[in-house]
Amino acid sequence: MTPNDPQLRIALDAALHQIRATLTAVAGRVSEALGTMSQSSGRISERDLLISTQFDLRRNIGVLNQVFADELDRRINDELAPREDNRRTLAAASWQSLSLVDDNEMEERMYSDRIGQQISHACEAELRELAAYMGALLQTGRADQDRNPLRAELLGAALYRAIESATTPPEARKLLARELGAAVAKAMPECYTQILRGLQNRGVQPVVLTVRQFEGPGNLLPGINSAYQTLSSTRSHHGELDTPSSSGAGMASGGYGQRTMRGGATGT
């Protein structure tokens, strides 16, 4: 499907609406939690940080939601655009390649990754199932979680960009990244479940989940018998062990002997 395919756009718009509603509810709960935490804090500096961060979040909660929606929509459109060989994204960049960027970019990458990982760990089963439905909508023929435009990685990046728009002090951003990240991760399993239910109601049929195979020298090596398999092979048909000499030979032929034969004849 192309990015402008009606069925794909309808499905993604419905998913975005569900995700935005989830963030709106979570942001409200986090704002209240910050107030509660400030009342129980025994340190003045910590209490001041909690109060000021709560104030920024309450005042800019609309901005937070809008920037998150716009940023996530932009990243989804980038995902759906035709891929180029030289195309690079922030998520694909290695830490080594970020060695020359400023501290703000490094901080954004670090917190975005952390939020994405929290969501991914909390929603492992839901994301695996969603990848199968997205494989059908995108007509990729397989369930590829790295091609899922609703994957946790993109949500984490969009959420931290929204946090940057809601508050300026680095410590406040760090606090919101921690609290919002944990709260969103806790809420996303239900959100993804609702998205999956919507896709099912629209008649979308998931692609069959398959294991991706890669060519490599390891695929050509024979299996290595475990100690349990080697011991089992020495048992007779009557369920008793063979003689010690035959058992030793069996273990040699099933383990070390086979490896030395592949590497060449051993000296006598």
C-alpha atoms as a PDB file:
ATOM      1  CA  MET A   1       0.000   0.000   0.000  1.00  0.00           C
ATOM      2  CA  THR A   2       1.056   3.576  -0.613  1.00  0.00           C
ATOM      3  CA  PRO A   3       1.020   6.217   2.153  1.00  0.00           C
ATOM      4  CA  ASN A   4      -2.157   7.638   0.590  1.00  0.00           C
ATOM      5  CA  ASP A   5      -4.002   4.320   0.497  1.00  0.00           C
ATOM      6  CA  PRO A   6      -7.434   4.996   2.048  1.00  0.00           C
ATOM      7  CA  GLN A   7      -7.546   1.831   4.156  1.00  0.00           C
ATOM      8  CA  LEU A   8      -4.066   2.453   5.528  1.00  0.00           C
ATOM      9  CA  ARG A   9      -4.755   6.117   6.291  1.00  0.00           C
ATOM     10  CA  ILE A  10      -8.038   5.334   8.019  1.00  0.00           C
ATOM     11  CA  ALA A  11      -6.380   2.668  10.161  1.00  0.00           C
ATOM     12  CA  LEU A  12      -3.457   4.918  11.096  1.00  0.00           C
ATOM     13  CA  ASP A  13      -5.686   7.914  11.838  1.00  0.00           C
ATOM     14  CA  ALA A  14      -7.797   5.778  14.169  1.00  0.00           C
ATOM     15  CA  ALA A  15      -4.644   4.489  15.863  1.00  0.00           C
ATOM     16  CA  LEU A  16      -3.264   8.007  16.271  1.00  0.00           C
ATOM     17  CA  HIS A  17      -6.534   9.125  17.825  1.00  0.00           C
ATOM     18  CA  GLN A  18      -6.310   6.275  20.322  1.00  0.00           C
ATOM     19  CA  ILE A  19      -2.688   7.070  21.167  1.00  0.00           C
ATOM     20  CA  ARG A  20      -3.414  10.791  21.588  1.00  0.00           C
ATOM     21  CA  ALA A  21      -6.317  10.034  23.912  1.00  0.00           C
ATOM     22  CA  THR A  22      -4.050   7.780  25.954  1.00  0.00           C
ATOM     23  CA  LEU A  23      -1.382  10.478  26.289  1.00  0.00           C
ATOM     24  CA  THR A  24      -3.975  13.090  27.283  1.00  0.00           C
ATOM     25  CA  ALA A  25      -5.278  10.879  30.083  1.00  0.00           C
ATOM     26  CA  VAL A  26      -1.781   9.912  31.220  1.00  0.00           C
ATOM     27  CA  ALA A  27      -0.529  13.511  31.255  1.00  0.00           C
ATOM     28  CA  GLY A  28      -3.410  14.505  33.513  1.00  0.00           C
ATOM     29  CA  ARG A  29      -2.628  11.691  35.937  1.00  0.00           C
ATOM     30  CA  VAL A  30       1.079  12.532  35.957  1.00  0.00           C
ATOM     31  CA  SER A  31       0.291  16.175  36.694  1.00  0.00           C
ATOM     32  CA  GLU A  32      -1.733  15.157  39.731  1.00  0.00           C
ATOM     33  CA  ALA A  33       0.982  12.729  40.821  1.00  0.00           C
ATOM     34  CA  LEU A  34       3.616  15.477  40.699  1.00  0.00           C
ATOM     35  CA  GLY A  35       1.505  17.548  43.066  1.00  0.00           C
ATOM     36  CA  THR A  36       1.158  14.650  45.476  1.00  0.00           C
ATOM     37  CA  MET A  37       4.890  13.970  45.331  1.00  0.00           C
ATOM     38  CA  SER A  38       5.694  17.609  46.073  1.00  0.00           C
ATOM     39  CA  GLN A  39       3.578  17.523  49.231  1.00  0.00           C
ATOM     40  CA  SER A  40       5.404  14.494  50.585  1.00  0.00           C
ATOM     41  CA  SER A  41       8.906  15.603  49.593  1.00  0.00           C
ATOM     42  CA  GLY A  42      11.208  16.460  52.487  1.00  0.00           C
ATOM     43  CA  ARG A  43      13.783  18.375  50.452  1.00  0.00           C
ATOM     44  CA  ILE A  44      13.162  21.955  49.409  1.00  0.00           C
ATOM     45  CA  SER A  45      15.007  21.678  46.084  1.00  0.00           C
ATOM     46  CA  GLU A  46      13.129  18.532  45.117  1.00  0.00           C
ATOM     47  CA  ARG A  47       9.808  20.021  46.155  1.00  0.00           C
ATOM     48  CA  ASP A  48      10.474  23.165  44.119  1.00  0.00           C
ATOM     49  CA  LEU A  49      11.320  21.066  41.062  1.00  0.00           C
ATOM     50  CA  LEU A  50       8.147  19.017  41.394  1.00  0.00           C
ATOM     51  CA  ILE A  51       5.977  22.108  41.809  1.00  0.00           C
ATOM     52  CA  SER A  52       7.525  23.998  38.890  1.00  0.00           C
ATOM     53  CA  THR A  53       7.349  20.943  36.623  1.00  0.00           C
ATOM     54  CA  GLN A  54       3.716  20.379  37.523  1.00  0.00           C
ATOM     55  CA  PHE A  55       3.004  24.040  36.742  1.00  0.00           C
ATOM     56  CA  ASP A  56       4.663  23.771  33.317  1.00  0.00           C
ATOM     57  CA  LEU A  57       2.850  20.543  32.512  1.00  0.00           C
ATOM     58  CA  ARG A  58      -0.550  21.922  33.480  1.00  0.00           C
ATOM     59  CA  ARG A  59      -0.004  25.155  31.590  1.00  0.00           C
ATOM     60  CA  ASN A  60       1.344  23.477  28.454  1.00  0.00           C
ATOM     61  CA  ILE A  61      -0.564  20.203  28.423  1.00  0.00           C
ATOM     62  CA  GLY A  62      -2.338  21.244  25.218  1.00  0.00           C
ATOM     63  CA  VAL A  63       1.002  22.051  23.590  1.00  0.00           C
ATOM     64  CA  LEU A  64       2.391  18.722  24.774  1.00  0.00           C
ATOM     65  CA  ASN A  65      -0.454  16.799  23.161  1.00  0.00           C
ATOM     66  CA  GLN A  66      -0.329  18.751  19.904  1.00  0.00           C
ATOM     67  CA  VAL A  67       3.438  18.538  19.465  1.00  0.00           C
ATOM     68  CA  PHE A  68       3.319  14.824  20.239  1.00  0.00           C
ATOM     69  CA  ALA A  69       0.597  14.257  17.636  1.00  0.00           C
ATOM     70  CA  ASP A  70       2.365  16.353  14.982  1.00  0.00           C
ATOM     71  CA  GLU A  71       5.751  14.759  15.636  1.00  0.00           C
ATOM     72  CA  LEU A  72       4.373  11.221  15.618  1.00  0.00           C
ATOM     73  CA  ASP A  73       2.425  11.913  12.430  1.00  0.00           C
ATOM     74  CA  ARG A  74       5.571  13.283  10.780  1.00  0.00           C
ATOM     75  CA  ARG A  75       7.621  10.265  11.794  1.00  0.00           C
ATOM     76  CA  ILE A  76       4.918   7.890  10.573  1.00  0.00           C
ATOM     77  CA  ASN A  77       4.861   9.637   7.195  1.00  0.00           C
ATOM     78  CA  ASP A  78       8.648   9.330   7.024  1.00  0.00           C
ATOM     79  CA  GLU A  79       8.307   5.610   7.704  1.00  0.00           C
ATOM     80  CA  LEU A  80       5.774   5.207   4.913  1.00  0.00           C
ATOM     81  CA  ALA A  81       7.799   7.185   2.382  1.00  0.00           C
ATOM     82  CA  PRO A  82       9.824   5.215  -0.198  1.00  0.00           C
ATOM     83  CA  ARG A  83      13.052   4.064   1.370  1.00  0.00           C
ATOM     84  CA  GLU A  84      16.428   5.079  -0.008  1.00  0.00           C
ATOM     85  CA  ASP A  85      19.741   3.351   0.527  1.00  0.00           C
ATOM     86  CA  ASN A  86      21.368   6.450   1.954  1.00  0.00           C
ATOM     87  CA  ARG A  87      18.420   7.384   4.122  1.00  0.00           C
ATOM     88  CA  ARG A  88      19.264   7.667   7.805  1.00  0.00           C
ATOM     89  CA  THR A  89      17.172   8.361  10.847  1.00  0.00           C
ATOM     90  CA  LEU A  90      18.069   9.378  14.360  1.00  0.00           C
ATOM     91  CA  ALA A  91      17.058   5.963  15.623  1.00  0.00           C
ATOM     92  CA  ALA A  92      19.292   4.209  13.090  1.00  0.00           C
ATOM     93  CA  ALA A  93      22.335   6.311  13.906  1.00  0.00           C
ATOM     94  CA  SER A  94      24.939   4.638  16.068  1.00  0.00           C
ATOM     95  CA  TRP A  95      26.251   6.152  19.251  1.00  0.00           C
ATOM     96  CA  GLN A  96      29.659   6.487  17.587  1.00  0.00           C
ATOM     97  CA  SER A  97      28.180   8.635  14.824  1.00  0.00           C
ATOM     98  CA  LEU A  98      26.687  10.953  17.453  1.00  0.00           C
ATOM     99  CA  SER A  99      30.067  11.745  18.984  1.00  0.00           C
ATOM    100  CA  LEU A 100      30.266  15.100  17.182  1.00  0.00           C
ATOM    101  CA  VAL A 101      26.760  16.367  17.929  1.00  0.00           C
ATOM    102  CA  ASP A 102      25.922  18.692  20.795  1.00  0.00           C
ATOM    103  CA  ASP A 103      24.720  17.679  24.229  1.00  0.00           C
ATOM    104  CA  ASN A 104      21.082  18.474  23.468  1.00  0.00           C
ATOM    105  CA  GLU A 105      20.959  15.921  20.654  1.00  0.00           C
ATOM    106  CA  MET A 106      22.671  13.322  22.803  1.00  0.00           C
ATOM    107  CA  GLU A 107      20.193  13.968  25.597  1.00  0.00           C
ATOM    108  CA  GLU A 108      17.260  13.704  23.203  1.00  0.00           C
ATOM    109  CA  ARG A 109      18.538  10.397  21.873  1.00  0.00           C
ATOM    110  CA  MET A 110      19.136   9.006  25.352  1.00  0.00           C
ATOM    111  CA  TYR A 111      15.724   9.865  26.782  1.00  0.00           C
ATOM    112  CA  SER A 112      13.873   8.975  23.585  1.00  0.00           C
ATOM    113  CA  ASP A 113      15.506   5.554  23.598  1.00  0.00           C
ATOM    114  CA  ARG A 114      14.719   5.057  27.262  1.00  0.00           C
ATOM    115  CA  ILE A 115      11.033   5.867  26.822  1.00  0.00           C
ATOM    116  CA  GLY A 116      10.828   3.679  23.723  1.00  0.00           C
ATOM    117  CA  GLN A 117      12.413   0.763  25.559  1.00  0.00           C
ATOM    118  CA  GLN A 118       9.976   1.129  28.457  1.00  0.00           C
ATOM    119  CA  ILE A 119       7.036   0.992  26.055  1.00  0.00           C
ATOM    120  CA  SER A 120       8.546  -1.881  24.097  1.00  0.00           C
ATOM    121  CA  HIS A 121       9.148  -3.996  27.200  1.00  0.00           C
ATOM    122  CA  ALA A 122       5.654  -3.354  28.523  1.00  0.00           C
ATOM    123  CA  CYS A 123       3.968  -4.128  25.179  1.00  0.00           C
ATOM    124  CA  GLU A 124       6.051  -6.961  23.743  1.00  0.00           C
ATOM    125  CA  ALA A 125       3.116  -9.239  22.926  1.00  0.00           C
ATOM    126  CA  GLU A 126       0.901  -6.436  21.600  1.00  0.00           C
ATOM    127  CA  LEU A 127       3.635  -5.059  19.349  1.00  0.00           C
ATOM    128  CA  ARG A 128       4.386  -8.510  17.953  1.00  0.00           C
ATOM    129  CA  GLU A 129       0.729  -8.969  17.052  1.00  0.00           C
ATOM    130  CA  LEU A 130       0.429  -5.442  15.686  1.00  0.00           C
ATOM    131  CA  ALA A 131       3.399  -6.034  13.376  1.00  0.00           C
ATOM    132  CA  ALA A 132       1.438  -8.827  11.680  1.00  0.00           C
ATOM    133  CA  TYR A 133      -1.483  -6.493  10.990  1.00  0.00           C
ATOM    134  CA  MET A 134       0.805  -3.730   9.760  1.00  0.00           C
ATOM    135  CA  GLY A 135       2.491  -6.227   7.468  1.00  0.00           C
ATOM    136  CA  ALA A 136      -0.914  -6.799   5.873  1.00  0.00           C
ATOM    137  CA  LEU A 137      -1.731  -3.088   5.582  1.00  0.00           C
ATOM    138  CA  LEU A 138       1.694  -2.232   4.171  1.00  0.00           C
ATOM    139  CA  GLN A 139       1.667  -5.331   1.943  1.00  0.00           C
ATOM    140  CA  THR A 140       5.182  -6.289   2.975  1.00  0.00           C
ATOM    141  CA  GLY A 141       4.215  -9.972   3.109  1.00  0.00           C
ATOM    142  CA  ARG A 142       5.668 -10.489   6.568  1.00  0.00           C
ATOM    143  CA  ALA A 143       5.451  -9.223  10.129  1.00  0.00           C
ATOM    144  CA  ASP A 144       8.447  -6.931  10.548  1.00  0.00           C
ATOM    145  CA  GLN A 145       8.467  -5.023  13.822  1.00  0.00           C
ATOM    146  CA  ASP A 146      11.113  -2.662  12.454  1.00  0.00           C
ATOM    147  CA  ARG A 147       8.647  -1.539   9.762  1.00  0.00           C
ATOM    148  CA  ASN A 148       5.745  -1.012  12.139  1.00  0.00           C
ATOM    149  CA  PRO A 149       4.905   2.732  11.939  1.00  0.00           C
ATOM    150  CA  LEU A 150       3.336   2.547  15.411  1.00  0.00           C
ATOM    151  CA  ARG A 151       6.318   0.929  17.127  1.00  0.00           C
ATOM    152  CA  ALA A 152       7.524   2.036  20.541  1.00  0.00           C
ATOM    153  CA  GLU A 153      10.692   3.644  19.214  1.00  0.00           C
ATOM    154  CA  LEU A 154       8.728   6.297  17.313  1.00  0.00           C
ATOM    155  CA  LEU A 155       6.409   6.945  20.237  1.00  0.00           C
ATOM    156  CA  GLY A 156       9.385   7.512  22.527  1.00  0.00           C
ATOM    157  CA  ALA A 157      10.982  10.001  20.135  1.00  0.00           C
ATOM    158  CA  ALA A 158       7.721  11.905  19.643  1.00  0.00           C
ATOM    159  CA  LEU A 159       6.999  11.992  23.369  1.00  0.00           C
ATOM    160  CA  TYR A 160      10.371  13.426  24.312  1.00  0.00           C
ATOM    161  CA  ARG A 161      10.065  16.081  21.607  1.00  0.00           C
ATOM    162  CA  ALA A 162       6.703  16.982  23.158  1.00  0.00           C
ATOM    163  CA  ILE A 163       8.300  17.141  26.618  1.00  0.00           C
ATOM    164  CA  GLU A 164      10.845  19.612  25.262  1.00  0.00           C
ATOM    165  CA  SER A 165       7.984  21.840  24.127  1.00  0.00           C
ATOM    166  CA  ALA A 166       6.271  21.706  27.524  1.00  0.00           C
ATOM    167  CA  THR A 167       9.170  22.707  29.771  1.00  0.00           C
ATOM    168  CA  THR A 168      12.653  24.186  29.399  1.00  0.00           C
ATOM    169  CA  PRO A 169      14.831  23.391  32.452  1.00  0.00           C
ATOM    170  CA  PRO A 170      16.897  20.224  31.911  1.00  0.00           C
ATOM    171  CA  GLU A 171      15.966  18.795  35.314  1.00  0.00           C
ATOM    172  CA  ALA A 172      12.265  19.318  34.611  1.00  0.00           C
ATOM    173  CA  ARG A 173      12.592  17.556  31.248  1.00  0.00           C
ATOM    174  CA  LYS A 174      14.417  14.703  32.934  1.00  0.00           C
ATOM    175  CA  LEU A 175      11.656  14.435  35.538  1.00  0.00           C
ATOM    176  CA  LEU A 176       8.879  14.455  32.933  1.00  0.00           C
ATOM    177  CA  ALA A 177      10.724  11.923  30.793  1.00  0.00           C
ATOM    178  CA  ARG A 178      10.897   9.610  33.797  1.00  0.00           C
ATOM    179  CA  GLU A 179       7.327  10.066  35.013  1.00  0.00           C
ATOM    180  CA  LEU A 180       5.563  10.338  31.659  1.00  0.00           C
ATOM    181  CA  GLY A 181       7.676   7.553  30.172  1.00  0.00           C
ATOM    182  CA  ALA A 182       6.763   5.118  32.939  1.00  0.00           C
ATOM    183  CA  ALA A 183       3.091   6.115  32.929  1.00  0.00           C
ATOM    184  CA  VAL A 184       2.737   5.912  29.144  1.00  0.00           C
ATOM    185  CA  ALA A 185       4.460   2.512  29.103  1.00  0.00           C
ATOM    186  CA  LYS A 186       1.969   1.272  31.689  1.00  0.00           C
ATOM    187  CA  ALA A 187      -0.992   2.543  29.645  1.00  0.00           C
ATOM    188  CA  MET A 188       0.123   1.449  26.177  1.00  0.00           C
ATOM    189  CA  PRO A 189      -0.740  -2.290  26.391  1.00  0.00           C
ATOM    190  CA  GLU A 190      -4.421  -1.387  26.632  1.00  0.00           C
ATOM    191  CA  CYS A 191      -4.003   1.276  23.939  1.00  0.00           C
ATOM    192  CA  TYR A 192      -2.397  -1.193  21.523  1.00  0.00           C
ATOM    193  CA  THR A 193      -5.109  -3.719  22.368  1.00  0.00           C
ATOM    194  CA  GLN A 194      -7.754  -1.181  21.355  1.00  0.00           C
ATOM    195  CA  ILE A 195      -5.877  -0.480  18.117  1.00  0.00           C
ATOM    196  CA  LEU A 196      -5.732  -4.202  17.356  1.00  0.00           C
ATOM    197  CA  ARG A 197      -9.437  -4.543  18.044  1.00  0.00           C
ATOM    198  CA  GLY A 198     -10.143  -1.706  15.624  1.00  0.00           C
ATOM    199  CA  LEU A 199      -8.085  -3.368  12.885  1.00  0.00           C
ATOM    200  CA  GLN A 200      -9.918  -6.636  13.443  1.00  0.00           C
ATOM    201  CA  ASN A 201     -13.283  -4.875  13.236  1.00  0.00           C
ATOM    202  CA  ARG A 202     -12.214  -3.378   9.901  1.00  0.00           C
ATOM    203  CA  GLY A 203     -11.565  -6.859   8.565  1.00  0.00           C
ATOM    204  CA  VAL A 204      -7.781  -6.572   8.351  1.00  0.00           C
ATOM    205  CA  GLN A 205      -6.218 -10.038   8.197  1.00  0.00           C
ATOM    206  CA  PRO A 206      -2.741 -10.336   9.743  1.00  0.00           C
ATOM    207  CA  VAL A 207       0.099 -11.881   7.815  1.00  0.00           C
ATOM    208  CA  VAL A 208       1.471 -15.173   9.088  1.00  0.00           C
ATOM    209  CA  LEU A 209       4.261 -14.739  11.603  1.00  0.00           C
ATOM    210  CA  THR A 210       7.462 -16.305  10.301  1.00  0.00           C
ATOM    211  CA  VAL A 211      11.004 -16.610  11.567  1.00  0.00           C
ATOM    212  CA  ARG A 212      13.427 -14.542   9.519  1.00  0.00           C
ATOM    213  CA  GLN A 213      16.342 -16.604   8.156  1.00  0.00           C
ATOM    214  CA  PHE A 214      19.789 -15.166   7.553  1.00  0.00           C
ATOM    215  CA  GLU A 215      22.630 -16.701   5.560  1.00  0.00           C
ATOM    216  CA  GLY A 216      25.774 -17.269   7.535  1.00  0.00           C
ATOM    217  CA  PRO A 217      28.479 -19.798   8.339  1.00  0.00           C
ATOM    218  CA  GLY A 218      26.624 -20.867  11.476  1.00  0.00           C
ATOM    219  CA  ASN A 219      23.751 -22.238   9.392  1.00  0.00           C
ATOM    220  CA  LEU A 220      26.055 -24.824   7.786  1.00  0.00           C
ATOM    221  CA  LEU A 221      27.400 -26.331  11.013  1.00  0.00           C
ATOM    222  CA  PRO A 222      25.892 -29.588  12.294  1.00  0.00           C
ATOM    223  CA  GLY A 223      24.135 -29.579  15.616  1.00  0.00           C
ATOM    224  CA  ILE A 224      26.170 -30.181  18.750  1.00  0.00           C
ATOM    225  CA  ASN A 225      24.902 -32.924  21.019  1.00  0.00           C
ATOM    226  CA  SER A 226      24.217 -31.906  24.572  1.00  0.00           C
ATOM    227  CA  ALA A 227      25.488 -33.965  27.490  1.00  0.00           C
ATOM    228  CA  TYR A 228      21.933 -35.204  28.039  1.00  0.00           C
ATOM    229  CA  GLN A 229      21.652 -36.363  24.416  1.00  0.00           C
ATOM    230  CA  THR A 230      25.038 -38.085  24.578  1.00  0.00           C
ATOM    231  CA  LEU A 231      24.115 -39.887  27.787  1.00  0.00           C
ATOM    232  CA  SER A 232      20.759 -40.947  26.352  1.00  0.00           C
ATOM    233  CA  SER A 233      22.433 -42.388  23.268  1.00  0.00           C
ATOM    234  CA  THR A 234      24.421 -44.820  25.457  1.00  0.00           C
ATOM    235  CA  ARG A 235      21.326 -46.455  26.871  1.00  0.00           C
ATOM    236  CA  SER A 236      20.380 -49.865  25.535  1.00  0.00           C
ATOM    237  CA  HIS A 237      16.920 -50.790  24.299  1.00  0.00           C
ATOM    238  CA  HIS A 238      16.241 -52.239  27.764  1.00  0.00           C
ATOM    239  CA  GLY A 239      16.843 -48.818  29.400  1.00  0.00           C
ATOM    240  CA  GLU A 240      20.259 -49.725  30.944  1.00  0.00           C
ATOM    241  CA  LEU A 241      23.603 -48.114  30.380  1.00  0.00           C
ATOM    242  CA  ASP A 242      26.170 -49.798  28.136  1.00  0.00           C
ATOM    243  CA  THR A 243      29.511 -50.839  29.481  1.00  0.00           C
ATOM    244  CA  PRO A 244      31.874 -48.080  30.591  1.00  0.00           C
ATOM    245  CA  SER A 245      34.140 -48.643  27.588  1.00  0.00           C
ATOM    246  CA  SER A 246      31.331 -48.291  25.077  1.00  0.00           C
ATOM    247  CA  SER A 247      29.949 -45.321  27.017  1.00  0.00           C
ATOM    248  CA  GLY A 248      33.286 -43.559  26.836  1.00  0.00           C
ATOM    249  CA  ALA A 249      33.538 -44.281  23.137  1.00  0.00           C
ATOM    250  CA  GLY A 250      30.052 -42.998  22.593  1.00  0.00           C
ATOM    251  CA  MET A 251      30.833 -39.763  24.342  1.00  0.00           C
ATOM    252  CA  ALA A 252      34.021 -39.344  22.368  1.00  0.00           C
ATOM    253  CA  SER A 253      32.321 -39.937  19.045  1.00  0.00           C
ATOM    254  CA  GLY A 254      29.367 -37.734  19.951  1.00  0.00           C
ATOM    255  CA  GLY A 255      31.397 -34.800  21.269  1.00  0.00           C
ATOM    256  CA  TYR A 256      35.119 -34.111  21.079  1.00  0.00           C
ATOM    257  CA  GLY A 257      35.820 -36.811  18.500  1.00  0.00           C
ATOM    258  CA  GLN A 258      33.469 -35.262  15.961  1.00  0.00           C
ATOM    259  CA  ARG A 259      34.969 -31.812  16.399  1.00  0.00           C
ATOM    260  CA  THR A 260      38.549 -33.058  15.925  1.00  0.00           C
ATOM    261  CA  MET A 261      37.560 -34.988  12.792  1.00  0.00           C
ATOM    262  CA  ARG A 262      36.144 -31.810  11.260  1.00  0.00           C
ATOM    263  CA  GLY A 263      39.314 -29.899  12.039  1.00  0.00           C
ATOM    264  CA  GLY A 264      41.583 -32.637  10.591  1.00  0.00           C
ATOM    265  CA  ALA A 265      43.072 -35.949  11.684  1.00  0.00           C
ATOM    266  CA  THR A 266      44.626 -36.014  15.111  1.00  0.00           C
ATOM    267  CA  GLY A 267      48.140 -37.183  15.666  1.00  0.00           C
ATOM    268  CA  THR A 268      48.790 -40.686  16.940  1.00  0.00           C
END
